[in-house]
PDB file of N, CA and C in Angstrom:
ATOM      1  N   UNK A   1      75.765  94.926  15.426  1.00  0.00           N
ATOM      2  CA  UNK A   1      75.323  95.337  13.836  1.00  0.00           C
ATOM      3  C   UNK A   1      75.811  94.746  12.610  1.00  0.00           C
ATOM      4  N   UNK A   2      77.126  94.875  12.397  1.00  0.00           N
ATOM      5  CA  UNK A   2      78.516  94.603  11.742  1.00  0.00           C
ATOM      6  C   UNK A   2      78.374  93.530  10.894  1.00  0.00           C
ATOM      7  N   UNK A   3      77.891  92.282  11.789  1.00  0.00           N
ATOM      8  CA  UNK A   3      77.395  90.897  10.694  1.00  0.00           C
ATOM      9  C   UNK A   3      76.072  91.111   9.890  1.00  0.00           C
ATOM     10  N   UNK A   4      75.523  91.884   9.769  1.00  0.00           N
ATOM     11  CA  UNK A   4      74.903  92.054   9.181  1.00  0.00           C
ATOM     12  C   UNK A   4      75.410  93.587   7.625  1.00  0.00           C
ATOM     13  N   UNK A   5      76.514  93.889   7.425  1.00  0.00           N
ATOM     14  CA  UNK A   5      77.147  95.003   6.788  1.00  0.00           C
ATOM     15  C   UNK A   5      77.543  93.649   5.929  1.00  0.00           C
ATOM     16  N   UNK A   6      77.538  94.583   4.178  1.00  0.00           N
ATOM     17  CA  UNK A   6      78.871  93.843   3.406  1.00  0.00           C
ATOM     18  C   UNK A   6      80.489  94.104   4.568  1.00  0.00           C
ATOM     19  N   UNK A   7      81.036  92.987   3.224  1.00  0.00           N
ATOM     20  CA  UNK A   7      82.400  93.174   4.042  1.00  0.00           C
ATOM     21  C   UNK A   7      83.086  94.071   4.300  1.00  0.00           C
ATOM     22  N   UNK A   8      83.234  94.704   3.389  1.00  0.00           N
ATOM     23  CA  UNK A   8      84.095  96.297   3.215  1.00  0.00           C
ATOM     24  C   UNK A   8      83.554  97.667   4.659  1.00  0.00           C
ATOM     25  N   UNK A   9      81.987  97.473   3.955  1.00  0.00           N
ATOM     26  CA  UNK A   9      81.621  98.222   5.514  1.00  0.00           C
ATOM     27  C   UNK A   9      81.849  97.758   7.030  1.00  0.00           C
ATOM     28  N   UNK A  10      81.400  96.491   6.659  1.00  0.00           N
ATOM     29  CA  UNK A  10      81.436  96.141   7.546  1.00  0.00           C
ATOM     30  C   UNK A  10      83.429  96.132   9.355  1.00  0.00           C
ATOM     31  N   UNK A  11      83.749  96.109   8.194  1.00  0.00           N
ATOM     32  CA  UNK A  11      85.741  96.562   8.196  1.00  0.00           C
ATOM     33  C   UNK A  11      85.591  97.695   8.546  1.00  0.00           C
ATOM     34  N   UNK A  12      84.944  98.405   7.606  1.00  0.00           N
ATOM     35  CA  UNK A  12      84.806 100.155   8.093  1.00  0.00           C
ATOM     36  C   UNK A  12      84.614 100.411   9.439  1.00  0.00           C
ATOM     37  N   UNK A  13      83.517  99.479   9.337  1.00  0.00           N
ATOM     38  CA  UNK A  13      82.726 100.171  10.868  1.00  0.00           C
ATOM     39  C   UNK A  13      83.899  99.626  12.385  1.00  0.00           C
ATOM     40  N   UNK A  14      84.128  98.392  12.236  1.00  0.00           N
ATOM     41  CA  UNK A  14      84.833  97.491  13.099  1.00  0.00           C
ATOM     42  C   UNK A  14      86.505  98.249  13.357  1.00  0.00           C
ATOM     43  N   UNK A  15      86.951  98.773  12.181  1.00  0.00           N
ATOM     44  CA  UNK A  15      87.581  99.244  12.514  1.00  0.00           C
ATOM     45  C   UNK A  15      88.399 100.923  13.305  1.00  0.00           C
ATOM     46  N   UNK A  16      87.152 101.218  13.076  1.00  0.00           N
ATOM     47  CA  UNK A  16      87.001 102.531  13.356  1.00  0.00           C
ATOM     48  C   UNK A  16      86.927 102.246  14.640  1.00  0.00           C
ATOM     49  N   UNK A  17      85.510 101.706  15.564  1.00  0.00           N
ATOM     50  CA  UNK A  17      84.990 101.748  16.564  1.00  0.00           C
ATOM     51  C   UNK A  17      85.873 100.374  17.451  1.00  0.00           C
ATOM     52  N   UNK A  18      87.111  99.695  16.846  1.00  0.00           N
ATOM     53  CA  UNK A  18      88.137  99.614  17.457  1.00  0.00           C
ATOM     54  C   UNK A  18      89.646 100.170  17.366  1.00  0.00           C
ATOM     55  N   UNK A  19      89.228 101.848  17.503  1.00  0.00           N
ATOM     56  CA  UNK A  19      90.603 101.649  17.890  1.00  0.00           C
ATOM     57  C   UNK A  19      91.886 101.437  16.681  1.00  0.00           C
ATOM     58  N   UNK A  20      91.337 100.693  15.499  1.00  0.00           N
ATOM     59  CA  UNK A  20      92.496  99.700  14.455  1.00  0.00           C
ATOM     60  C   UNK A  20      92.945 100.768  13.354  1.00  0.00           C
ATOM     61  N   UNK A  21      93.750 101.934  13.871  1.00  0.00           N
ATOM     62  CA  UNK A  21      94.484 102.444  12.627  1.00  0.00           C
ATOM     63  C   UNK A  21      95.073 102.266  11.184  1.00  0.00           C
ATOM     64  N   UNK A  22      95.425 101.470  11.261  1.00  0.00           N
ATOM     65  CA  UNK A  22      96.554 100.107  10.698  1.00  0.00           C
ATOM     66  C   UNK A  22      95.357  99.289   9.736  1.00  0.00           C
ATOM     67  N   UNK A  23      94.543  98.480  10.483  1.00  0.00           N
ATOM     68  CA  UNK A  23      93.417  97.994   9.993  1.00  0.00           C
ATOM     69  C   UNK A  23      92.463  98.973   9.068  1.00  0.00           C
ATOM     70  N   UNK A  24      92.331 100.254   9.309  1.00  0.00           N
ATOM     71  CA  UNK A  24      91.612 101.357   8.402  1.00  0.00           C
ATOM     72  C   UNK A  24      92.181 101.237   7.598  1.00  0.00           C
ATOM     73  N   UNK A  25      93.255 101.530   7.778  1.00  0.00           N
ATOM     74  CA  UNK A  25      94.304 101.862   6.297  1.00  0.00           C
ATOM     75  C   UNK A  25      94.303 101.134   5.563  1.00  0.00           C
ATOM     76  N   UNK A  26      94.638 100.108   5.956  1.00  0.00           N
ATOM     77  CA  UNK A  26      94.447  98.843   4.618  1.00  0.00           C
ATOM     78  C   UNK A  26      93.178  98.009   4.253  1.00  0.00           C
ATOM     79  N   UNK A  27      92.841  99.013   4.745  1.00  0.00           N
ATOM     80  CA  UNK A  27      90.802  98.728   4.246  1.00  0.00           C
ATOM     81  C   UNK A  27      90.704  99.263   2.471  1.00  0.00           C
ATOM     82  N   UNK A  28      91.878 100.539   2.261  1.00  0.00           N
ATOM     83  CA  UNK A  28      91.547 101.465   1.431  1.00  0.00           C
ATOM     84  C   UNK A  28      92.433 100.861   0.514  1.00  0.00           C
ATOM     85  N   UNK A  29      92.253 101.417  -0.762  1.00  0.00           N
ATOM     86  CA  UNK A  29      93.041 101.101  -2.174  1.00  0.00           C
ATOM     87  C   UNK A  29      93.696 102.661  -2.356  1.00  0.00           C
ATOM     88  N   UNK A  30      95.074 102.435  -2.889  1.00  0.00           N
ATOM     89  CA  UNK A  30      96.617 103.215  -3.208  1.00  0.00           C
ATOM     90  C   UNK A  30      95.228 104.475  -3.402  1.00  0.00           C
ATOM     91  N   UNK A  31      95.019 104.396  -4.366  1.00  0.00           N
ATOM     92  CA  UNK A  31      94.919 105.655  -5.451  1.00  0.00           C
ATOM     93  C   UNK A  31      92.750 106.201  -4.766  1.00  0.00           C
ATOM     94  N   UNK A  32      92.683 106.100  -3.684  1.00  0.00           N
ATOM     95  CA  UNK A  32      91.042 105.993  -3.071  1.00  0.00           C
ATOM     96  C   UNK A  32      90.861 107.500  -2.851  1.00  0.00           C
ATOM     97  N   UNK A  33      89.606 107.985  -2.898  1.00  0.00           N
ATOM     98  CA  UNK A  33      89.637 108.679  -2.454  1.00  0.00           C
ATOM     99  C   UNK A  33      88.630 109.688  -1.371  1.00  0.00           C
ATOM    100  N   UNK A  34      88.666 110.312  -0.882  1.00  0.00           N
ATOM    101  CA  UNK A  34      87.706 110.293   0.173  1.00  0.00           C
ATOM    102  C   UNK A  34      86.677 111.966   0.246  1.00  0.00           C
ATOM    103  N   UNK A  35      85.640 111.732  -0.111  1.00  0.00           N
ATOM    104  CA  UNK A  35      84.771 112.873   0.385  1.00  0.00           C
ATOM    105  C   UNK A  35      84.073 113.158   1.635  1.00  0.00           C
ATOM    106  N   UNK A  36      84.784 113.812   2.031  1.00  0.00           N
ATOM    107  CA  UNK A  36      84.193 113.924   3.428  1.00  0.00           C
ATOM    108  C   UNK A  36      83.474 115.451   3.434  1.00  0.00           C
ATOM    109  N   UNK A  37      82.062 115.186   3.616  1.00  0.00           N
ATOM    110  CA  UNK A  37      81.569 116.867   3.634  1.00  0.00           C
ATOM    111  C   UNK A  37      81.968 117.481   2.956  1.00  0.00           C
ATOM    112  N   UNK A  38      82.428 117.007   1.873  1.00  0.00           N
ATOM    113  CA  UNK A  38      83.158 118.024   0.475  1.00  0.00           C
ATOM    114  C   UNK A  38      84.289 118.285   0.457  1.00  0.00           C
ATOM    115  N   UNK A  39      85.127 118.082   0.981  1.00  0.00           N
ATOM    116  CA  UNK A  39      86.204 118.100   1.425  1.00  0.00           C
ATOM    117  C   UNK A  39      86.875 116.938   0.737  1.00  0.00           C
ATOM    118  N   UNK A  40      87.929 116.818   0.060  1.00  0.00           N
ATOM    119  CA  UNK A  40      88.365 115.678  -0.662  1.00  0.00           C
ATOM    120  C   UNK A  40      90.000 115.753  -0.291  1.00  0.00           C
ATOM    121  N   UNK A  41      89.969 114.019  -0.181  1.00  0.00           N
ATOM    122  CA  UNK A  41      91.049 113.514   0.657  1.00  0.00           C
ATOM    123  C   UNK A  41      91.599 112.258  -0.734  1.00  0.00           C
ATOM    124  N   UNK A  42      92.874 112.510  -1.196  1.00  0.00           N
ATOM    125  CA  UNK A  42      92.964 111.712  -2.486  1.00  0.00           C
ATOM    126  C   UNK A  42      94.371 111.156  -2.115  1.00  0.00           C
ATOM    127  N   UNK A  43      94.352 109.608  -2.010  1.00  0.00           N
ATOM    128  CA  UNK A  43      95.213 109.014  -2.355  1.00  0.00           C
ATOM    129  C   UNK A  43      95.935 107.991  -0.501  1.00  0.00           C
ATOM    130  N   UNK A  44      96.142 107.199  -0.119  1.00  0.00           N
ATOM    131  CA  UNK A  44      96.210 106.331   1.225  1.00  0.00           C
ATOM    132  C   UNK A  44      96.904 106.842   1.694  1.00  0.00           C
ATOM    133  N   UNK A  45      97.803 107.902   1.694  1.00  0.00           N
ATOM    134  CA  UNK A  45      98.694 108.452   3.079  1.00  0.00           C
ATOM    135  C   UNK A  45      97.324 109.460   2.645  1.00  0.00           C
ATOM    136  N   UNK A  46      96.937 110.426   2.041  1.00  0.00           N
ATOM    137  CA  UNK A  46      96.542 111.634   2.430  1.00  0.00           C
ATOM    138  C   UNK A  46      95.173 111.236   3.763  1.00  0.00           C
ATOM    139  N   UNK A  47      94.865 110.175   2.967  1.00  0.00           N
ATOM    140  CA  UNK A  47      93.617 109.200   3.859  1.00  0.00           C
ATOM    141  C   UNK A  47      94.151 108.510   5.382  1.00  0.00           C
ATOM    142  N   UNK A  48      95.204 108.643   5.532  1.00  0.00           N
ATOM    143  CA  UNK A  48      95.819 108.171   6.815  1.00  0.00           C
ATOM    144  C   UNK A  48      95.975 109.020   7.887  1.00  0.00           C
ATOM    145  N   UNK A  49      96.748 110.700   6.972  1.00  0.00           N
ATOM    146  CA  UNK A  49      96.465 111.703   7.876  1.00  0.00           C
ATOM    147  C   UNK A  49      95.173 112.656   8.329  1.00  0.00           C
ATOM    148  N   UNK A  50      94.161 112.343   7.352  1.00  0.00           N
ATOM    149  CA  UNK A  50      93.096 112.745   7.997  1.00  0.00           C
ATOM    150  C   UNK A  50      92.205 111.658   9.015  1.00  0.00           C
ATOM    151  N   UNK A  51      92.458 110.535   8.473  1.00  0.00           N
ATOM    152  CA  UNK A  51      91.601 109.304   9.680  1.00  0.00           C
ATOM    153  C   UNK A  51      92.505 109.580  10.318  1.00  0.00           C
ATOM    154  N   UNK A  52      93.485 110.027  10.205  1.00  0.00           N
ATOM    155  CA  UNK A  52      93.959 110.004  12.079  1.00  0.00           C
ATOM    156  C   UNK A  52      94.323 111.085  12.952  1.00  0.00           C
ATOM    157  N   UNK A  53      93.561 112.458  12.442  1.00  0.00           N
ATOM    158  CA  UNK A  53      93.153 113.314  13.174  1.00  0.00           C
ATOM    159  C   UNK A  53      91.812 113.085  12.973  1.00  0.00           C
ATOM    160  N   UNK A  54      90.465 112.968  12.290  1.00  0.00           N
ATOM    161  CA  UNK A  54      89.233 113.356  12.219  1.00  0.00           C
ATOM    162  C   UNK A  54      88.369 111.919  12.706  1.00  0.00           C
ATOM    163  N   UNK A  55      88.980 110.655  13.359  1.00  0.00           N
ATOM    164  CA  UNK A  55      88.719 109.574  13.720  1.00  0.00           C
ATOM    165  C   UNK A  55      89.444 109.078  14.647  1.00  0.00           C
ATOM    166  N   UNK A  56      90.272 109.093  14.368  1.00  0.00           N
ATOM    167  CA  UNK A  56      91.716 107.938  15.403  1.00  0.00           C
ATOM    168  C   UNK A  56      91.576 109.030  17.134  1.00  0.00           C
ATOM    169  N   UNK A  57      92.458 110.395  16.698  1.00  0.00           N
ATOM    170  CA  UNK A  57      92.636 111.479  17.445  1.00  0.00           C
ATOM    171  C   UNK A  57      91.234 112.157  18.212  1.00  0.00           C
ATOM    172  N   UNK A  58      89.957 111.362  17.457  1.00  0.00           N
ATOM    173  CA  UNK A  58      88.891 112.101  18.218  1.00  0.00           C
ATOM    174  C   UNK A  58      87.781 111.344  18.560  1.00  0.00           C
ATOM    175  N   UNK A  59      88.666 110.089  18.905  1.00  0.00           N
ATOM    176  CA  UNK A  59      87.917 108.794  19.414  1.00  0.00           C
ATOM    177  C   UNK A  59      86.205 108.738  18.804  1.00  0.00           C
ATOM    178  N   UNK A  60      86.515 108.453  17.691  1.00  0.00           N
ATOM    179  CA  UNK A  60      85.406 108.810  17.050  1.00  0.00           C
ATOM    180  C   UNK A  60      84.776 107.050  17.586  1.00  0.00           C
ATOM    181  N   UNK A  61      83.477 106.666  17.353  1.00  0.00           N
ATOM    182  CA  UNK A  61      82.867 105.719  16.983  1.00  0.00           C
ATOM    183  C   UNK A  61      81.051 105.613  16.263  1.00  0.00           C
ATOM    184  N   UNK A  62      81.173 104.790  16.107  1.00  0.00           N
ATOM    185  CA  UNK A  62      80.411 104.831  15.101  1.00  0.00           C
ATOM    186  C   UNK A  62      78.881 103.240  15.467  1.00  0.00           C
ATOM    187  N   UNK A  63      77.988 104.051  15.402  1.00  0.00           N
ATOM    188  CA  UNK A  63      77.051 103.050  16.062  1.00  0.00           C
ATOM    189  C   UNK A  63      75.662 102.999  14.436  1.00  0.00           C
ATOM    190  N   UNK A  64      76.370 102.107  13.658  1.00  0.00           N
ATOM    191  CA  UNK A  64      75.393 101.863  12.592  1.00  0.00           C
ATOM    192  C   UNK A  64      73.660 101.894  13.424  1.00  0.00           C
ATOM    193  N   UNK A  65      73.353 102.512  12.181  1.00  0.00           N
ATOM    194  CA  UNK A  65      71.477 102.041  12.390  1.00  0.00           C
ATOM    195  C   UNK A  65      70.950 101.676  11.819  1.00  0.00           C
ATOM    196  N   UNK A  66      71.626 101.211  10.064  1.00  0.00           N
ATOM    197  CA  UNK A  66      70.469 101.286   8.711  1.00  0.00           C
ATOM    198  C   UNK A  66      71.745 101.048   8.097  1.00  0.00           C
ATOM    199  N   UNK A  67      71.553 100.658   7.091  1.00  0.00           N
ATOM    200  CA  UNK A  67      72.276  99.578   6.184  1.00  0.00           C
ATOM    201  C   UNK A  67      72.103  99.975   4.519  1.00  0.00           C
ATOM    202  N   UNK A  68      72.092  99.468   2.967  1.00  0.00           N
ATOM    203  CA  UNK A  68      71.016  99.622   1.869  1.00  0.00           C
ATOM    204  C   UNK A  68      72.409  99.412   1.225  1.00  0.00           C
ATOM    205  N   UNK A  69      72.479  98.560   0.003  1.00  0.00           N
ATOM    206  CA  UNK A  69      73.503  98.247  -0.771  1.00  0.00           C
ATOM    207  C   UNK A  69      74.338  96.812  -0.856  1.00  0.00           C
ATOM    208  N   UNK A  70      75.270  96.658  -1.554  1.00  0.00           N
ATOM    209  CA  UNK A  70      75.517  95.477  -1.656  1.00  0.00           C
ATOM    210  C   UNK A  70      77.380  95.515  -1.197  1.00  0.00           C
ATOM    211  N   UNK A  71      77.948  94.390  -1.414  1.00  0.00           N
ATOM    212  CA  UNK A  71      79.642  94.403  -0.794  1.00  0.00           C
ATOM    213  C   UNK A  71      80.594  95.375  -2.147  1.00  0.00           C
ATOM    214  N   UNK A  72      80.005  95.841  -2.962  1.00  0.00           N
ATOM    215  CA  UNK A  72      80.775  96.208  -4.107  1.00  0.00           C
ATOM    216  C   UNK A  72      80.224  98.177  -3.531  1.00  0.00           C
ATOM    217  N   UNK A  73      79.034  98.419  -3.571  1.00  0.00           N
ATOM    218  CA  UNK A  73      78.899  99.667  -3.417  1.00  0.00           C
ATOM    219  C   UNK A  73      77.577  99.286  -1.653  1.00  0.00           C
ATOM    220  N   UNK A  74      78.141 100.018  -0.450  1.00  0.00           N
ATOM    221  CA  UNK A  74      76.597  99.800   0.659  1.00  0.00           C
ATOM    222  C   UNK A  74      77.317 101.252   1.686  1.00  0.00           C
ATOM    223  N   UNK A  75      75.429 101.697   1.875  1.00  0.00           N
ATOM    224  CA  UNK A  75      75.917 103.304   2.694  1.00  0.00           C
ATOM    225  C   UNK A  75      75.024 102.591   3.513  1.00  0.00           C
ATOM    226  N   UNK A  76      76.226 103.075   4.749  1.00  0.00           N
ATOM    227  CA  UNK A  76      75.771 102.830   6.233  1.00  0.00           C
ATOM    228  C   UNK A  76      75.183 104.447   6.900  1.00  0.00           C
ATOM    229  N   UNK A  77      74.055 104.544   7.707  1.00  0.00           N
ATOM    230  CA  UNK A  77      73.150 105.246   8.445  1.00  0.00           C
ATOM    231  C   UNK A  77      74.199 105.246   9.785  1.00  0.00           C
ATOM    232  N   UNK A  78      74.340 105.989  10.246  1.00  0.00           N
ATOM    233  CA  UNK A  78      75.116 105.220  11.950  1.00  0.00           C
ATOM    234  C   UNK A  78      74.757 106.991  13.097  1.00  0.00           C
ATOM    235  N   UNK A  79      74.921 107.041  14.029  1.00  0.00           N
ATOM    236  CA  UNK A  79      75.300 107.338  15.040  1.00  0.00           C
ATOM    237  C   UNK A  79      76.528 107.881  15.388  1.00  0.00           C
ATOM    238  N   UNK A  80      77.134 109.068  15.209  1.00  0.00           N
ATOM    239  CA  UNK A  80      78.751 109.518  15.108  1.00  0.00           C
ATOM    240  C   UNK A  80      78.589 110.116  16.454  1.00  0.00           C
ATOM    241  N   UNK A  81      79.481 109.376  17.100  1.00  0.00           N
ATOM    242  CA  UNK A  81      79.982 110.192  18.883  1.00  0.00           C
ATOM    243  C   UNK A  81      81.691 109.887  18.530  1.00  0.00           C
ATOM    244  N   UNK A  82      81.840 111.156  19.053  1.00  0.00           N
ATOM    245  CA  UNK A  82      83.113 110.891  19.817  1.00  0.00           C
ATOM    246  C   UNK A  82      83.586 112.207  20.702  1.00  0.00           C
ATOM    247  N   UNK A  83      85.229 113.364  20.700  1.00  0.00           N
ATOM    248  CA  UNK A  83      85.388 114.092  21.357  1.00  0.00           C
ATOM    249  C   UNK A  83      85.908 115.163  20.905  1.00  0.00           C
ATOM    250  N   UNK A  84      84.744 115.514  19.306  1.00  0.00           N
ATOM    251  CA  UNK A  84      85.223 116.349  18.647  1.00  0.00           C
ATOM    252  C   UNK A  84      84.610 117.413  18.430  1.00  0.00           C
ATOM    253  N   UNK A  85      84.726 118.558  18.230  1.00  0.00           N
ATOM    254  CA  UNK A  85      83.658 120.027  17.909  1.00  0.00           C
ATOM    255  C   UNK A  85      82.728 119.493  18.181  1.00  0.00           C
ATOM    256  N   UNK A  86      81.243 120.087  18.689  1.00  0.00           N
ATOM    257  CA  UNK A  86      80.484 120.073  17.560  1.00  0.00           C
ATOM    258  C   UNK A  86      79.773 121.055  17.822  1.00  0.00           C
ATOM    259  N   UNK A  87      80.339 121.810  17.570  1.00  0.00           N
ATOM    260  CA  UNK A  87      79.815 122.741  17.363  1.00  0.00           C
ATOM    261  C   UNK A  87      78.889 123.386  16.236  1.00  0.00           C
ATOM    262  N   UNK A  88      77.732 123.550  15.451  1.00  0.00           N
ATOM    263  CA  UNK A  88      77.083 123.760  14.303  1.00  0.00           C
ATOM    264  C   UNK A  88      76.228 121.642  14.286  1.00  0.00           C
ATOM    265  N   UNK A  89      76.314 121.089  14.471  1.00  0.00           N
ATOM    266  CA  UNK A  89      76.539 120.096  14.372  1.00  0.00           C
ATOM    267  C   UNK A  89      74.663 119.782  14.702  1.00  0.00           C
ATOM    268  N   UNK A  90      74.122 118.614  14.382  1.00  0.00           N
ATOM    269  CA  UNK A  90      73.112 118.206  15.209  1.00  0.00           C
ATOM    270  C   UNK A  90      73.046 117.522  16.339  1.00  0.00           C
ATOM    271  N   UNK A  91      72.734 117.439  16.933  1.00  0.00           N
ATOM    272  CA  UNK A  91      72.290 116.622  18.434  1.00  0.00           C
ATOM    273  C   UNK A  91      71.266 114.982  18.714  1.00  0.00           C
ATOM    274  N   UNK A  92      71.142 113.985  18.318  1.00  0.00           N
ATOM    275  CA  UNK A  92      72.422 113.260  17.583  1.00  0.00           C
ATOM    276  C   UNK A  92      72.867 113.529  16.026  1.00  0.00           C
ATOM    277  N   UNK A  93      74.081 113.026  16.307  1.00  0.00           N
ATOM    278  CA  UNK A  93      74.964 113.168  14.792  1.00  0.00           C
ATOM    279  C   UNK A  93      74.450 112.057  14.006  1.00  0.00           C
ATOM    280  N   UNK A  94      74.463 111.873  13.049  1.00  0.00           N
ATOM    281  CA  UNK A  94      73.553 111.204  12.247  1.00  0.00           C
ATOM    282  C   UNK A  94      74.529 110.943  11.125  1.00  0.00           C
ATOM    283  N   UNK A  95      74.880 110.415  10.328  1.00  0.00           N
ATOM    284  CA  UNK A  95      75.763 110.054   9.172  1.00  0.00           C
ATOM    285  C   UNK A  95      75.693 109.435   7.972  1.00  0.00           C
ATOM    286  N   UNK A  96      75.609 109.922   6.890  1.00  0.00           N
ATOM    287  CA  UNK A  96      75.528 108.517   5.993  1.00  0.00           C
ATOM    288  C   UNK A  96      77.089 108.159   5.689  1.00  0.00           C
ATOM    289  N   UNK A  97      77.658 106.769   5.166  1.00  0.00           N
ATOM    290  CA  UNK A  97      78.732 106.859   4.763  1.00  0.00           C
ATOM    291  C   UNK A  97      78.727 105.358   3.323  1.00  0.00           C
ATOM    292  N   UNK A  98      78.757 106.481   1.816  1.00  0.00           N
ATOM    293  CA  UNK A  98      78.504 105.445   0.723  1.00  0.00           C
ATOM    294  C   UNK A  98      80.054 104.434   0.918  1.00  0.00           C
ATOM    295  N   UNK A  99      80.034 103.930   1.171  1.00  0.00           N
ATOM    296  CA  UNK A  99      81.112 102.140   0.639  1.00  0.00           C
ATOM    297  C   UNK A  99      81.613 102.053  -0.442  1.00  0.00           C
ATOM    298  N   UNK A 100      82.144 102.847  -2.005  1.00  0.00           N
ATOM    299  CA  UNK A 100      82.465 101.851  -2.934  1.00  0.00           C
ATOM    300  C   UNK A 100      83.551 100.893  -3.388  1.00  0.00           C
ATOM    301  N   UNK A 101      83.508 100.356  -3.979  1.00  0.00           N
ATOM    302  CA  UNK A 101      84.642  99.036  -3.195  1.00  0.00           C
ATOM    303  C   UNK A 101      85.533  98.474  -4.733  1.00  0.00           C
ATOM    304  N   UNK A 102      86.183  97.926  -5.552  1.00  0.00           N
ATOM    305  CA  UNK A 102      87.253  98.022  -6.542  1.00  0.00           C
ATOM    306  C   UNK A 102      88.104  97.364  -6.218  1.00  0.00           C
ATOM    307  N   UNK A 103      88.256  95.732  -6.343  1.00  0.00           N
ATOM    308  CA  UNK A 103      89.184  94.994  -6.464  1.00  0.00           C
ATOM    309  C   UNK A 103      89.228  94.156  -5.217  1.00  0.00           C
ATOM    310  N   UNK A 104      88.429  94.419  -3.746  1.00  0.00           N
ATOM    311  CA  UNK A 104      88.080  94.048  -2.348  1.00  0.00           C
ATOM    312  C   UNK A 104      88.889  94.746  -1.624  1.00  0.00           C
ATOM    313  N   UNK A 105      89.245  96.535  -2.489  1.00  0.00           N
ATOM    314  CA  UNK A 105      89.829  97.466  -1.784  1.00  0.00           C
ATOM    315  C   UNK A 105      88.355  98.611  -1.792  1.00  0.00           C
ATOM    316  N   UNK A 106      88.420  99.545  -0.771  1.00  0.00           N
ATOM    317  CA  UNK A 106      87.680 100.899  -0.367  1.00  0.00           C
ATOM    318  C   UNK A 106      88.205 101.945  -1.513  1.00  0.00           C
ATOM    319  N   UNK A 107      87.878 102.023  -2.736  1.00  0.00           N
ATOM    320  CA  UNK A 107      88.057 103.038  -3.898  1.00  0.00           C
ATOM    321  C   UNK A 107      87.628 104.523  -4.032  1.00  0.00           C
ATOM    322  N   UNK A 108      86.564 104.393  -2.958  1.00  0.00           N
ATOM    323  CA  UNK A 108      85.498 105.406  -2.400  1.00  0.00           C
ATOM    324  C   UNK A 108      84.970 105.808  -1.299  1.00  0.00           C
ATOM    325  N   UNK A 109      84.563 106.806  -0.109  1.00  0.00           N
ATOM    326  CA  UNK A 109      84.198 106.964   0.839  1.00  0.00           C
ATOM    327  C   UNK A 109      83.522 108.316   0.995  1.00  0.00           C
ATOM    328  N   UNK A 110      82.301 108.179   0.722  1.00  0.00           N
ATOM    329  CA  UNK A 110      81.569 109.802   0.388  1.00  0.00           C
ATOM    330  C   UNK A 110      81.225 109.798   2.100  1.00  0.00           C
ATOM    331  N   UNK A 111      81.522 110.558   2.844  1.00  0.00           N
ATOM    332  CA  UNK A 111      80.793 111.049   4.103  1.00  0.00           C
ATOM    333  C   UNK A 111      79.759 112.563   4.445  1.00  0.00           C
ATOM    334  N   UNK A 112      78.385 112.399   4.850  1.00  0.00           N
ATOM    335  CA  UNK A 112      77.646 113.331   4.206  1.00  0.00           C
ATOM    336  C   UNK A 112      77.365 113.032   5.447  1.00  0.00           C
ATOM    337  N   UNK A 113      76.324 114.760   6.196  1.00  0.00           N
ATOM    338  CA  UNK A 113      74.890 114.494   7.264  1.00  0.00           C
ATOM    339  C   UNK A 113      73.839 113.785   6.840  1.00  0.00           C
ATOM    340  N   UNK A 114      73.088 112.964   7.883  1.00  0.00           N
ATOM    341  CA  UNK A 114      72.221 112.189   6.519  1.00  0.00           C
ATOM    342  C   UNK A 114      70.881 113.225   6.390  1.00  0.00           C
ATOM    343  N   UNK A 115      70.244 113.222   5.718  1.00  0.00           N
ATOM    344  CA  UNK A 115      68.795 114.060   5.712  1.00  0.00           C
ATOM    345  C   UNK A 115      67.637 113.754   6.525  1.00  0.00           C
ATOM    346  N   UNK A 116      67.263 115.160   6.768  1.00  0.00           N
ATOM    347  CA  UNK A 116      66.169 115.333   7.968  1.00  0.00           C
ATOM    348  C   UNK A 116      66.019 114.534   8.596  1.00  0.00           C
TER     349      UNK A 116
END
């Protein structure tokens, strides 16, 4: 389904699913901010560390279920899988990812459990 996603959102999904940490971090602006379920990660280097631990070390995959928005502001809803601790998480784990883009780079990413 990544072919139907806006460009930055498609690249976000592709770099996660292809386990491409260098490609992943290249998508982000130097001063980008990630809000991962209320935990704020600021700047490309902090995002690199977060992604290394929370995405790539945990073998996260993202199966896109829905997408809305535009290339500058897209929201992806998808099923998340991987080898992370699932204690207290719903099964299946469905999350939303809001990808905000400015000047061709991700300036903001918000990750949340999907509503109901």
